[in-house]
């Protein structure tokens, strides 16, 4: 089986690396020739173009920065989609857009999988990230062996669009958690608390979270580099707000988060690292939210294991 991978950025490059590391025959493509060259040096073949990859591969995976980018790539692949071809979309995207593109793929005779990931770049790098898959069961069974080389836990969530809806929600929650952690750490510093001790107090409490146990470390070390930029945050929380608007749900926290992130972009740059949001509070208070003993980058210390399908007991 030939696999193609389009989009070798912060997340996509690591997912593609997991496939290569596990001996999967892989063709790759990216607008950045340097990223392609690095994967070829690691054993991949050049995919040449999205159109050529759909001709040559059984499964083509995309991991791209925006719905616009995904639509452009699918448009190039569509003339070559046919029986037996599968497009796997691992980008975080608009649920309605993935439904539209999946319908075009289906009308051309192929299958689509709505397949975003969650868990951070450090876990994408080790094949331990989590994966949601939205598609019919037969297509899921075909792609599952490939997914288990990229992720630890794979959840079949239902049809096209469900996975993207869930992923947008999880990114909204992660962003809300980041912003509240920035406030909590700053208030503790202002109250004279030792921030290394504060980190441990949160980590062992009901206030802990995945975001605290990862991003708080990068805030306290001064690195503030989580490999996720403010423009991507804005895309994701904007998509969540759109879901709420479409359903007529009156949100209060979400619009404030969008406003805060917009201010962060204005201060630090459109593509500034998201953890630099702490610097808004540092500037406002004159405090430095730092502590000794924390890493400059996140490293997944879980051993790599072949992934598996999660079958929740609560789902009938």
Protein backbone atom coordinates (compact mmCIF):
# COMPACT_ATOMS: atom_id res chain seq x y z
CA UNK A 1 0.00 0.00 0.00
CA UNK A 2 1.37 3.41 -1.01
CA UNK A 3 0.77 6.27 1.41
CA UNK A 4 1.10 9.96 0.55
CA UNK A 5 1.51 12.80 3.06
CA UNK A 6 0.94 16.46 2.19
CA UNK A 7 1.86 19.16 4.72
CA UNK A 8 5.12 18.69 6.63
CA UNK A 9 4.83 21.52 9.16
CA UNK A 10 5.04 21.35 12.96
CA UNK A 11 2.47 18.55 13.31
CA UNK A 12 2.41 17.01 9.83
CA UNK A 13 6.16 16.60 9.68
CA UNK A 14 6.14 14.65 12.92
CA UNK A 15 3.21 12.45 11.89
CA UNK A 16 4.95 11.68 8.60
CA UNK A 17 8.11 10.94 10.56
CA UNK A 18 6.25 8.33 12.62
CA UNK A 19 5.15 6.57 9.44
CA UNK A 20 8.71 6.52 8.12
CA UNK A 21 10.11 5.35 11.45
CA UNK A 22 7.72 2.42 11.35
CA UNK A 23 8.70 1.32 7.87
CA UNK A 24 5.74 2.67 5.90
CA UNK A 25 6.39 3.38 2.20
CA UNK A 26 5.72 7.11 2.00
CA UNK A 27 5.53 9.82 -0.64
CA UNK A 28 5.63 13.41 0.65
CA UNK A 29 4.84 16.91 -0.57
CA UNK A 30 5.06 20.41 0.87
CA UNK A 31 5.48 23.91 -0.52
CA UNK A 32 8.73 24.10 1.48
CA UNK A 33 11.27 22.12 -0.55
CA UNK A 34 13.58 21.89 2.47
CA UNK A 35 10.97 19.97 4.47
CA UNK A 36 10.50 17.57 1.56
CA UNK A 37 14.25 17.08 1.22
CA UNK A 38 14.57 16.20 4.91
CA UNK A 39 11.92 13.50 4.63
CA UNK A 40 13.50 12.12 1.45
CA UNK A 41 16.77 11.88 3.35
CA UNK A 42 14.89 9.86 5.98
CA UNK A 43 13.58 7.39 3.39
CA UNK A 44 10.52 8.96 1.78
CA UNK A 45 9.97 9.55 -1.93
CA UNK A 46 9.00 12.87 -3.47
CA UNK A 47 5.29 13.00 -4.20
CA UNK A 48 5.89 15.76 -6.80
CA UNK A 49 2.39 17.25 -6.51
CA UNK A 50 -1.02 16.56 -4.90
CA UNK A 51 -2.35 15.40 -8.26
CA UNK A 52 0.53 12.99 -8.81
CA UNK A 53 0.23 11.65 -5.25
CA UNK A 54 -3.44 10.82 -5.68
CA UNK A 55 -2.52 8.92 -8.84
CA UNK A 56 0.32 7.00 -7.18
CA UNK A 57 -1.05 6.38 -3.68
CA UNK A 58 -3.87 4.38 -2.15
CA UNK A 59 -4.22 6.79 0.78
CA UNK A 60 -3.29 10.48 0.73
CA UNK A 61 -3.07 12.26 4.09
CA UNK A 62 -3.20 16.05 4.41
CA UNK A 63 -2.18 18.11 7.45
CA UNK A 64 -2.45 21.76 6.47
CA UNK A 65 -2.75 25.14 8.22
CA UNK A 66 -6.19 26.26 7.05
CA UNK A 67 -9.44 25.15 5.39
CA UNK A 68 -8.45 27.23 2.35
CA UNK A 69 -5.20 25.27 1.98
CA UNK A 70 -7.04 21.96 2.27
CA UNK A 71 -9.59 22.97 -0.36
CA UNK A 72 -6.82 23.96 -2.77
CA UNK A 73 -5.06 20.61 -2.35
CA UNK A 74 -8.27 18.60 -2.73
CA UNK A 75 -9.09 20.51 -5.92
CA UNK A 76 -5.78 19.32 -7.39
CA UNK A 77 -6.37 15.72 -6.32
CA UNK A 78 -10.03 15.36 -7.35
CA UNK A 79 -9.48 14.55 -11.05
CA UNK A 80 -7.48 11.51 -9.94
CA UNK A 81 -9.78 10.24 -7.20
CA UNK A 82 -11.51 6.96 -7.97
CA UNK A 83 -12.53 3.60 -6.59
CA UNK A 84 -10.23 2.51 -3.75
CA UNK A 85 -8.70 5.95 -3.16
CA UNK A 86 -8.89 7.45 0.34
CA UNK A 87 -8.24 11.03 1.44
CA UNK A 88 -7.43 11.41 5.15
CA UNK A 89 -7.74 14.99 6.43
CA UNK A 90 -5.69 15.44 9.63
CA UNK A 91 -5.87 19.25 9.68
CA UNK A 92 -7.98 21.11 12.22
CA UNK A 93 -10.68 22.48 9.95
CA UNK A 94 -14.25 23.71 9.62
CA UNK A 95 -16.68 20.77 10.05
CA UNK A 96 -18.92 22.07 7.25
CA UNK A 97 -15.95 22.44 4.91
CA UNK A 98 -14.75 18.89 5.53
CA UNK A 99 -18.28 17.66 4.78
CA UNK A 100 -18.29 19.59 1.50
CA UNK A 101 -14.89 18.31 0.41
CA UNK A 102 -15.68 14.74 1.50
CA UNK A 103 -18.82 14.84 -0.64
CA UNK A 104 -16.74 15.87 -3.66
CA UNK A 105 -14.35 12.98 -3.01
CA UNK A 106 -17.30 10.56 -2.67
CA UNK A 107 -18.85 11.80 -5.93
CA UNK A 108 -15.51 11.08 -7.63
CA UNK A 109 -15.65 7.49 -6.36
CA UNK A 110 -13.31 7.76 -3.38
CA UNK A 111 -13.63 7.84 0.41
CA UNK A 112 -12.74 10.53 2.93
CA UNK A 113 -11.76 10.39 6.61
CA UNK A 114 -12.15 13.38 8.93
CA UNK A 115 -9.14 12.69 11.14
CA UNK A 116 -7.71 15.47 13.37
CA UNK A 117 -5.15 14.84 16.12
CA UNK A 118 -4.85 16.11 19.68
CA UNK A 119 -2.08 16.03 22.26
CA UNK A 120 0.68 18.40 21.22
CA UNK A 121 3.66 18.36 18.87
CA UNK A 122 5.82 16.46 21.35
CA UNK A 123 3.41 13.52 21.25
CA UNK A 124 3.01 13.73 17.49
CA UNK A 125 6.80 13.28 17.38
CA UNK A 126 6.66 9.94 19.20
CA UNK A 127 3.52 8.44 17.70
CA UNK A 128 1.70 8.84 21.02
CA UNK A 129 -0.79 11.52 20.00
CA UNK A 130 -4.56 10.90 20.05
CA UNK A 131 -6.57 10.68 16.83
CA UNK A 132 -10.29 11.16 16.11
CA UNK A 133 -11.60 9.48 12.96
CA UNK A 134 -14.91 10.35 11.31
CA UNK A 135 -16.01 8.12 8.42
CA UNK A 136 -17.99 4.98 7.70
CA UNK A 137 -16.87 1.86 9.56
CA UNK A 138 -15.52 0.05 6.50
CA UNK A 139 -13.25 2.97 5.60
CA UNK A 140 -12.11 3.24 9.22
CA UNK A 141 -11.07 -0.42 9.17
CA UNK A 142 -8.96 0.25 6.06
CA UNK A 143 -7.11 3.25 7.50
CA UNK A 144 -6.77 2.03 11.10
CA UNK A 145 -3.50 0.13 10.54
CA UNK A 146 -1.95 3.34 9.17
CA UNK A 147 -3.33 5.49 11.99
CA UNK A 148 -1.88 3.17 14.63
CA UNK A 149 1.62 4.10 13.45
CA UNK A 150 0.91 7.81 14.05
CA UNK A 151 -1.19 7.79 17.22
CA UNK A 152 -1.60 5.89 20.47
CA UNK A 153 -5.36 6.18 20.96
CA UNK A 154 -7.70 6.20 17.96
CA UNK A 155 -11.39 6.92 18.43
CA UNK A 156 -13.93 6.24 15.67
CA UNK A 157 -16.39 9.04 16.40
CA UNK A 158 -19.00 8.57 13.66
CA UNK A 159 -19.50 10.25 10.32
CA UNK A 160 -17.67 12.99 8.44
CA UNK A 161 -17.61 16.28 10.35
CA UNK A 162 -17.95 14.78 13.82
CA UNK A 163 -14.20 14.55 14.40
CA UNK A 164 -13.59 18.14 13.33
CA UNK A 165 -16.43 19.36 15.55
CA UNK A 166 -14.90 17.58 18.54
CA UNK A 167 -11.38 18.78 17.72
CA UNK A 168 -12.43 22.44 17.50
CA UNK A 169 -14.08 22.02 20.91
CA UNK A 170 -10.95 20.52 22.48
CA UNK A 171 -8.77 23.35 21.15
CA UNK A 172 -11.23 25.88 22.56
CA UNK A 173 -10.94 24.22 25.97
CA UNK A 174 -7.14 24.10 25.77
CA UNK A 175 -6.98 27.81 24.94
CA UNK A 176 -9.32 28.71 27.80
CA UNK A 177 -7.11 26.67 30.11
CA UNK A 178 -3.95 28.44 28.87
CA UNK A 179 -5.45 31.86 29.50
CA UNK A 180 -6.66 30.98 33.00
CA UNK A 181 -3.28 29.47 33.87
CA UNK A 182 -1.59 32.70 32.81
CA UNK A 183 -3.84 34.58 35.22
CA UNK A 184 -3.42 32.03 38.04
CA UNK A 185 0.39 32.01 37.83
CA UNK A 186 0.54 35.80 37.74
CA UNK A 187 -1.72 36.20 40.78
CA UNK A 188 0.33 33.64 42.71
CA UNK A 189 3.52 35.52 41.84
CA UNK A 190 1.92 38.77 42.98
CA UNK A 191 0.99 37.06 46.24
CA UNK A 192 4.61 36.08 46.84
CA UNK A 193 4.21 32.38 46.08
CA UNK A 194 7.17 30.33 44.84
CA UNK A 195 6.21 29.45 41.28
CA UNK A 196 7.94 26.06 41.20
CA UNK A 197 5.97 25.09 44.30
CA UNK A 198 2.83 26.61 42.74
CA UNK A 199 3.32 24.42 39.66
CA UNK A 200 3.44 21.29 41.83
CA UNK A 201 0.44 22.43 43.88
CA UNK A 202 -1.64 22.78 40.72
CA UNK A 203 -0.35 19.52 39.27
CA UNK A 204 -1.53 17.50 42.31
CA UNK A 205 -4.88 19.27 42.58
CA UNK A 206 -8.32 19.39 41.00
CA UNK A 207 -7.01 22.36 39.01
CA UNK A 208 -4.50 20.36 37.01
CA UNK A 209 -4.80 19.60 33.30
CA UNK A 210 -2.87 18.50 30.26
CA UNK A 211 -2.23 22.16 29.42
CA UNK A 212 -0.85 22.87 32.87
CA UNK A 213 1.43 19.84 32.86
CA UNK A 214 2.87 20.87 29.48
CA UNK A 215 2.54 24.57 28.70
CA UNK A 216 2.96 25.89 32.24
CA UNK A 217 6.45 24.36 32.17
CA UNK A 218 7.33 26.33 29.03
CA UNK A 219 5.94 29.53 30.53
CA UNK A 220 7.97 29.11 33.72
CA UNK A 221 11.19 28.22 31.88
CA UNK A 222 10.88 31.35 29.76
CA UNK A 223 10.87 29.33 26.53
CA UNK A 224 7.23 30.11 25.68
CA UNK A 225 7.67 27.93 22.54
CA UNK A 226 4.99 25.25 22.34
CA UNK A 227 5.12 24.93 18.53
CA UNK A 228 1.63 26.41 18.23
CA UNK A 229 1.11 29.95 17.05
CA UNK A 230 -1.53 32.58 17.77
CA UNK A 231 -2.89 32.56 14.23
CA UNK A 232 -3.69 28.85 14.59
CA UNK A 233 -5.31 29.50 17.97
CA UNK A 234 -7.44 32.23 16.40
CA UNK A 235 -8.50 29.90 13.60
CA UNK A 236 -9.56 27.21 16.05
CA UNK A 237 -11.40 29.35 18.59
CA UNK A 238 -13.02 31.22 15.70
CA UNK A 239 -14.31 27.91 14.35
CA UNK A 240 -15.71 27.07 17.78
CA UNK A 241 -17.46 30.44 17.95
CA UNK A 242 -18.93 29.72 14.51
CA UNK A 243 -20.32 26.42 15.78
CA UNK A 244 -21.98 28.28 18.64
CA UNK A 245 -23.33 31.00 16.36
CA UNK A 246 -24.74 28.45 13.92
CA UNK A 247 -26.53 26.69 16.79
CA UNK A 248 -27.74 29.92 18.37
CA UNK A 249 -25.80 29.35 21.61
CA UNK A 250 -25.01 32.68 23.35
CA UNK A 251 -21.42 32.33 24.60
CA UNK A 252 -19.75 34.78 26.99
CA UNK A 253 -16.21 33.42 27.50
CA UNK A 254 -15.51 32.63 23.83
CA UNK A 255 -15.77 36.22 22.50
CA UNK A 256 -13.51 37.43 25.32
CA UNK A 257 -10.92 34.79 24.43
CA UNK A 258 -10.94 35.92 20.80
CA UNK A 259 -10.48 39.53 21.94
CA UNK A 260 -7.59 38.56 24.24
CA UNK A 261 -5.82 36.58 21.52
CA UNK A 262 -6.29 39.47 19.10
CA UNK A 263 -4.57 41.74 21.60
CA UNK A 264 -1.75 39.20 21.94
CA UNK A 265 -1.27 39.17 18.18
CA UNK A 266 -1.25 42.96 18.07
CA UNK A 267 1.48 43.07 20.74
CA UNK A 268 3.70 40.16 19.76
CA UNK A 269 2.91 39.36 16.11
CA UNK A 270 0.27 37.45 14.15
CA UNK A 271 2.25 34.20 14.34
CA UNK A 272 3.71 34.62 17.83
CA UNK A 273 3.86 31.53 20.02
CA UNK A 274 0.61 31.14 21.96
CA UNK A 275 2.36 30.83 25.33
CA UNK A 276 3.54 34.42 24.96
CA UNK A 277 0.08 35.41 26.19
CA UNK A 278 1.68 35.37 29.66
CA UNK A 279 3.71 38.41 28.59
CA UNK A 280 0.57 40.58 28.47
CA UNK A 281 0.27 40.10 32.23
CA UNK A 282 4.02 40.49 32.77
CA UNK A 283 3.84 43.84 31.01
CA UNK A 284 0.77 44.91 32.98
CA UNK A 285 2.22 43.99 36.40
CA UNK A 286 5.98 44.34 35.98
CA UNK A 287 6.34 40.75 37.27
CA UNK A 288 8.35 37.97 35.64
CA UNK A 289 6.56 34.63 35.63
CA UNK A 290 9.61 32.39 35.76
CA UNK A 291 11.00 29.57 37.88
CA UNK A 292 14.12 27.41 37.82
CA UNK A 293 14.15 23.77 36.84
CA UNK A 294 11.68 23.74 33.95
CA UNK A 295 12.50 22.59 30.37
CA UNK A 296 13.02 24.76 27.30
CA UNK A 297 11.09 22.28 25.16
CA UNK A 298 8.61 19.50 25.73
CA UNK A 299 9.75 15.91 25.34
CA UNK A 300 7.36 12.97 25.41
CA UNK A 301 8.86 10.49 27.86
CA UNK A 302 6.27 7.77 27.21
CA UNK A 303 7.74 4.87 25.21
CA UNK A 304 6.35 4.59 21.70
CA UNK A 305 3.76 1.85 21.35
CA UNK A 306 1.61 0.69 18.46
CA UNK A 307 -1.70 2.49 18.64
CA UNK A 308 -5.09 0.96 19.22
CA UNK A 309 -8.77 1.73 18.79
CA UNK A 310 -10.51 3.17 21.84
CA UNK A 311 -13.96 1.67 22.38
CA UNK A 312 -15.76 3.75 25.06
CA UNK A 313 -18.09 1.73 27.25
CA UNK A 314 -20.59 4.60 27.42
CA UNK A 315 -21.29 4.65 23.68
CA UNK A 316 -24.09 2.33 22.62
